[in-house]
Amino acid sequence: MIFSLRKVIERMKFIIIFLIMTFLIYHFMNMVSGWIVPQYRYEEPSGRAIKAFEVVESMSDSLSFGERLRLFYWYGE
């Protein structure tokens, strides 16, 4: 089997450039996601906003499986 040295070098250059670009894009996306995500997600909101949360424990006992599944998909939780 005969290998062309020129083709092997071209493929190696492509692989190296591909890996470098993948590395750079990964770190760029990581920086952007760190900038977008809020720092303190669960702190009390400021201004006129309120934090709406209520724990209802007896509700899960009164609902059937189908109703609970429907609420799961409705609320997206």
N, C-alpha and C. Protein backbone atom coordinates (compact mmCIF):
# COMPACT_ATOMS: atom_id res chain seq x y z
N MET A 1 0.84 -1.17 0.00
CA MET A 1 0.00 0.00 0.00
C MET A 1 0.89 1.24 0.00
N ILE A 2 0.57 2.16 -0.88
CA ILE A 2 1.38 3.37 -1.02
C ILE A 2 0.61 4.54 -0.41
N PHE A 3 1.31 5.28 0.47
CA PHE A 3 0.73 6.46 1.10
C PHE A 3 1.37 7.70 0.51
N SER A 4 0.54 8.64 0.17
CA SER A 4 1.04 9.92 -0.32
C SER A 4 1.31 10.81 0.89
N LEU A 5 2.55 11.23 1.00
CA LEU A 5 2.94 12.06 2.14
C LEU A 5 2.18 13.38 2.13
N ARG A 6 1.90 13.92 0.97
CA ARG A 6 1.17 15.18 0.85
C ARG A 6 -0.25 15.04 1.41
N LYS A 7 -0.93 13.94 1.09
CA LYS A 7 -2.30 13.71 1.58
C LYS A 7 -2.31 13.50 3.09
N VAL A 8 -1.33 12.77 3.59
CA VAL A 8 -1.25 12.53 5.03
C VAL A 8 -1.05 13.84 5.77
N ILE A 9 -0.18 14.71 5.28
CA ILE A 9 0.08 16.00 5.91
C ILE A 9 -1.18 16.88 5.86
N GLU A 10 -1.87 16.86 4.72
CA GLU A 10 -3.10 17.65 4.60
C GLU A 10 -4.16 17.17 5.59
N ARG A 11 -4.31 15.87 5.73
CA ARG A 11 -5.29 15.33 6.68
C ARG A 11 -4.92 15.67 8.12
N MET A 12 -3.63 15.60 8.44
CA MET A 12 -3.19 15.94 9.80
C MET A 12 -3.46 17.43 10.08
N LYS A 13 -3.20 18.30 9.09
CA LYS A 13 -3.49 19.72 9.27
C LYS A 13 -4.98 19.94 9.51
N PHE A 14 -5.82 19.23 8.74
CA PHE A 14 -7.27 19.37 8.91
C PHE A 14 -7.68 18.91 10.31
N ILE A 15 -7.17 17.79 10.77
CA ILE A 15 -7.53 17.28 12.10
C ILE A 15 -7.08 18.24 13.19
N ILE A 16 -5.87 18.78 13.07
CA ILE A 16 -5.36 19.72 14.08
C ILE A 16 -6.20 21.00 14.09
N ILE A 17 -6.51 21.55 12.93
CA ILE A 17 -7.33 22.76 12.86
C ILE A 17 -8.73 22.49 13.40
N PHE A 18 -9.29 21.33 13.08
CA PHE A 18 -10.61 20.98 13.58
C PHE A 18 -10.62 20.90 15.11
N LEU A 19 -9.61 20.27 15.69
CA LEU A 19 -9.54 20.16 17.15
C LEU A 19 -9.36 21.52 17.81
N ILE A 20 -8.52 22.37 17.23
CA ILE A 20 -8.31 23.72 17.80
C ILE A 20 -9.60 24.53 17.74
N MET A 21 -10.29 24.49 16.60
CA MET A 21 -11.53 25.24 16.48
C MET A 21 -12.61 24.71 17.42
N THR A 22 -12.68 23.39 17.58
CA THR A 22 -13.64 22.80 18.52
C THR A 22 -13.35 23.27 19.94
N PHE A 23 -12.09 23.28 20.31
CA PHE A 23 -11.68 23.75 21.64
C PHE A 23 -12.07 25.21 21.85
N LEU A 24 -11.79 26.06 20.86
CA LEU A 24 -12.10 27.49 20.98
C LEU A 24 -13.61 27.73 21.04
N ILE A 25 -14.37 27.04 20.21
CA ILE A 25 -15.83 27.22 20.22
C ILE A 25 -16.42 26.75 21.53
N TYR A 26 -15.91 25.65 22.08
CA TYR A 26 -16.39 25.16 23.37
C TYR A 26 -16.17 26.20 24.46
N HIS A 27 -14.97 26.78 24.51
CA HIS A 27 -14.70 27.77 25.56
C HIS A 27 -15.48 29.07 25.33
N PHE A 28 -15.70 29.44 24.08
CA PHE A 28 -16.51 30.62 23.80
C PHE A 28 -17.95 30.41 24.26
N MET A 29 -18.52 29.24 23.95
CA MET A 29 -19.89 28.94 24.39
C MET A 29 -19.98 28.86 25.91
N ASN A 30 -18.96 28.36 26.55
CA ASN A 30 -18.93 28.30 28.01
C ASN A 30 -18.93 29.71 28.61
N MET A 31 -18.18 30.63 28.01
CA MET A 31 -18.17 32.02 28.49
C MET A 31 -19.53 32.66 28.29
N VAL A 32 -20.15 32.45 27.14
CA VAL A 32 -21.45 33.04 26.84
C VAL A 32 -22.51 32.50 27.79
N SER A 33 -22.50 31.20 28.06
CA SER A 33 -23.50 30.63 28.97
C SER A 33 -23.30 31.14 30.38
N GLY A 34 -22.06 31.37 30.80
CA GLY A 34 -21.81 31.95 32.12
C GLY A 34 -22.30 33.39 32.21
N TRP A 35 -22.27 34.09 31.11
CA TRP A 35 -22.73 35.48 31.08
C TRP A 35 -24.25 35.55 31.06
N ILE A 36 -24.91 34.60 30.41
CA ILE A 36 -26.36 34.63 30.28
C ILE A 36 -27.07 34.15 31.54
N VAL A 37 -26.59 33.09 32.16
CA VAL A 37 -27.27 32.49 33.32
C VAL A 37 -27.20 33.44 34.50
N PRO A 38 -28.32 33.67 35.18
CA PRO A 38 -28.30 34.58 36.33
C PRO A 38 -27.42 34.03 37.45
N GLN A 39 -26.77 34.94 38.15
CA GLN A 39 -25.84 34.55 39.20
C GLN A 39 -26.57 33.90 40.38
N TYR A 40 -27.61 34.55 40.86
CA TYR A 40 -28.35 34.05 42.03
C TYR A 40 -29.79 33.77 41.59
N ARG A 41 -30.05 32.55 41.17
CA ARG A 41 -31.37 32.23 40.64
C ARG A 41 -32.46 32.25 41.69
N TYR A 42 -32.16 31.86 42.89
CA TYR A 42 -33.20 31.62 43.88
C TYR A 42 -33.33 32.74 44.91
N GLU A 43 -32.70 33.87 44.68
CA GLU A 43 -32.85 34.97 45.63
C GLU A 43 -34.17 35.68 45.39
N GLU A 44 -34.57 36.47 46.35
CA GLU A 44 -35.84 37.17 46.26
C GLU A 44 -35.78 38.21 45.15
N PRO A 45 -36.80 38.28 44.29
CA PRO A 45 -36.77 39.23 43.18
C PRO A 45 -36.83 40.67 43.68
N SER A 46 -36.29 41.57 42.86
CA SER A 46 -36.28 42.99 43.25
C SER A 46 -37.42 43.71 42.54
N GLY A 47 -37.73 44.90 43.01
CA GLY A 47 -38.78 45.71 42.39
C GLY A 47 -40.16 45.24 42.81
N ARG A 48 -41.11 45.28 41.88
CA ARG A 48 -42.49 44.91 42.18
C ARG A 48 -42.75 43.42 41.97
N ALA A 49 -41.74 42.68 41.56
CA ALA A 49 -41.92 41.24 41.32
C ALA A 49 -42.06 40.50 42.65
N ILE A 50 -42.83 39.43 42.64
CA ILE A 50 -42.97 38.60 43.82
C ILE A 50 -42.59 37.18 43.47
N LYS A 51 -42.19 36.46 44.49
CA LYS A 51 -41.85 35.06 44.30
C LYS A 51 -43.08 34.24 44.66
N ALA A 52 -43.65 33.58 43.68
CA ALA A 52 -44.89 32.82 43.90
C ALA A 52 -44.55 31.35 44.05
N PHE A 53 -44.77 30.84 45.25
CA PHE A 53 -44.49 29.44 45.51
C PHE A 53 -45.38 28.99 46.66
N GLU A 54 -46.07 27.91 46.48
CA GLU A 54 -46.95 27.39 47.52
C GLU A 54 -46.85 25.87 47.52
N VAL A 55 -46.63 25.31 48.67
CA VAL A 55 -46.54 23.86 48.79
C VAL A 55 -47.91 23.33 49.18
N VAL A 56 -48.45 22.46 48.35
CA VAL A 56 -49.73 21.84 48.64
C VAL A 56 -49.48 20.33 48.70
N GLU A 57 -49.52 19.79 49.91
CA GLU A 57 -49.19 18.38 50.07
C GLU A 57 -50.40 17.47 49.88
N SER A 58 -51.59 17.94 50.22
CA SER A 58 -52.76 17.08 50.12
C SER A 58 -53.26 16.95 48.68
N MET A 59 -52.77 17.81 47.79
CA MET A 59 -53.25 17.79 46.41
C MET A 59 -52.83 16.50 45.70
N SER A 60 -51.65 15.98 46.00
CA SER A 60 -51.19 14.79 45.29
C SER A 60 -52.01 13.55 45.68
N ASP A 61 -52.61 13.55 46.87
CA ASP A 61 -53.41 12.41 47.29
C ASP A 61 -54.78 12.39 46.61
N SER A 62 -55.33 13.56 46.29
CA SER A 62 -56.67 13.62 45.76
C SER A 62 -56.72 13.45 44.24
N LEU A 63 -55.61 13.55 43.54
CA LEU A 63 -55.59 13.45 42.09
C LEU A 63 -55.27 12.03 41.64
N SER A 64 -55.88 11.64 40.54
CA SER A 64 -55.55 10.34 39.97
C SER A 64 -54.25 10.45 39.19
N PHE A 65 -53.76 9.31 38.76
CA PHE A 65 -52.50 9.29 38.01
C PHE A 65 -52.62 10.09 36.72
N GLY A 66 -53.73 9.93 36.01
CA GLY A 66 -53.93 10.66 34.75
C GLY A 66 -53.99 12.16 34.95
N GLU A 67 -54.65 12.61 36.02
CA GLU A 67 -54.74 14.05 36.30
C GLU A 67 -53.36 14.61 36.68
N ARG A 68 -52.62 13.84 37.46
CA ARG A 68 -51.27 14.29 37.82
C ARG A 68 -50.38 14.37 36.59
N LEU A 69 -50.50 13.41 35.68
CA LEU A 69 -49.71 13.42 34.45
C LEU A 69 -50.09 14.61 33.57
N ARG A 70 -51.39 14.91 33.48
CA ARG A 70 -51.85 16.06 32.71
C ARG A 70 -51.28 17.36 33.31
N LEU A 71 -51.32 17.49 34.64
CA LEU A 71 -50.75 18.68 35.28
C LEU A 71 -49.24 18.76 35.08
N PHE A 72 -48.57 17.62 35.07
CA PHE A 72 -47.13 17.59 34.84
C PHE A 72 -46.80 18.18 33.47
N TYR A 73 -47.54 17.76 32.44
CA TYR A 73 -47.27 18.27 31.09
C TYR A 73 -47.77 19.71 30.94
N TRP A 74 -48.82 20.07 31.65
CA TRP A 74 -49.37 21.42 31.55
C TRP A 74 -48.39 22.44 32.14
N TYR A 75 -47.87 22.14 33.34
CA TYR A 75 -46.95 23.07 34.00
C TYR A 75 -45.52 22.92 33.51
N GLY A 76 -45.18 21.79 32.93
CA GLY A 76 -43.83 21.59 32.43
C GLY A 76 -42.83 21.33 33.52
N GLU A 77 -43.25 20.74 34.60
CA GLU A 77 -42.33 20.46 35.72
C GLU A 77 -41.98 19.00 35.76
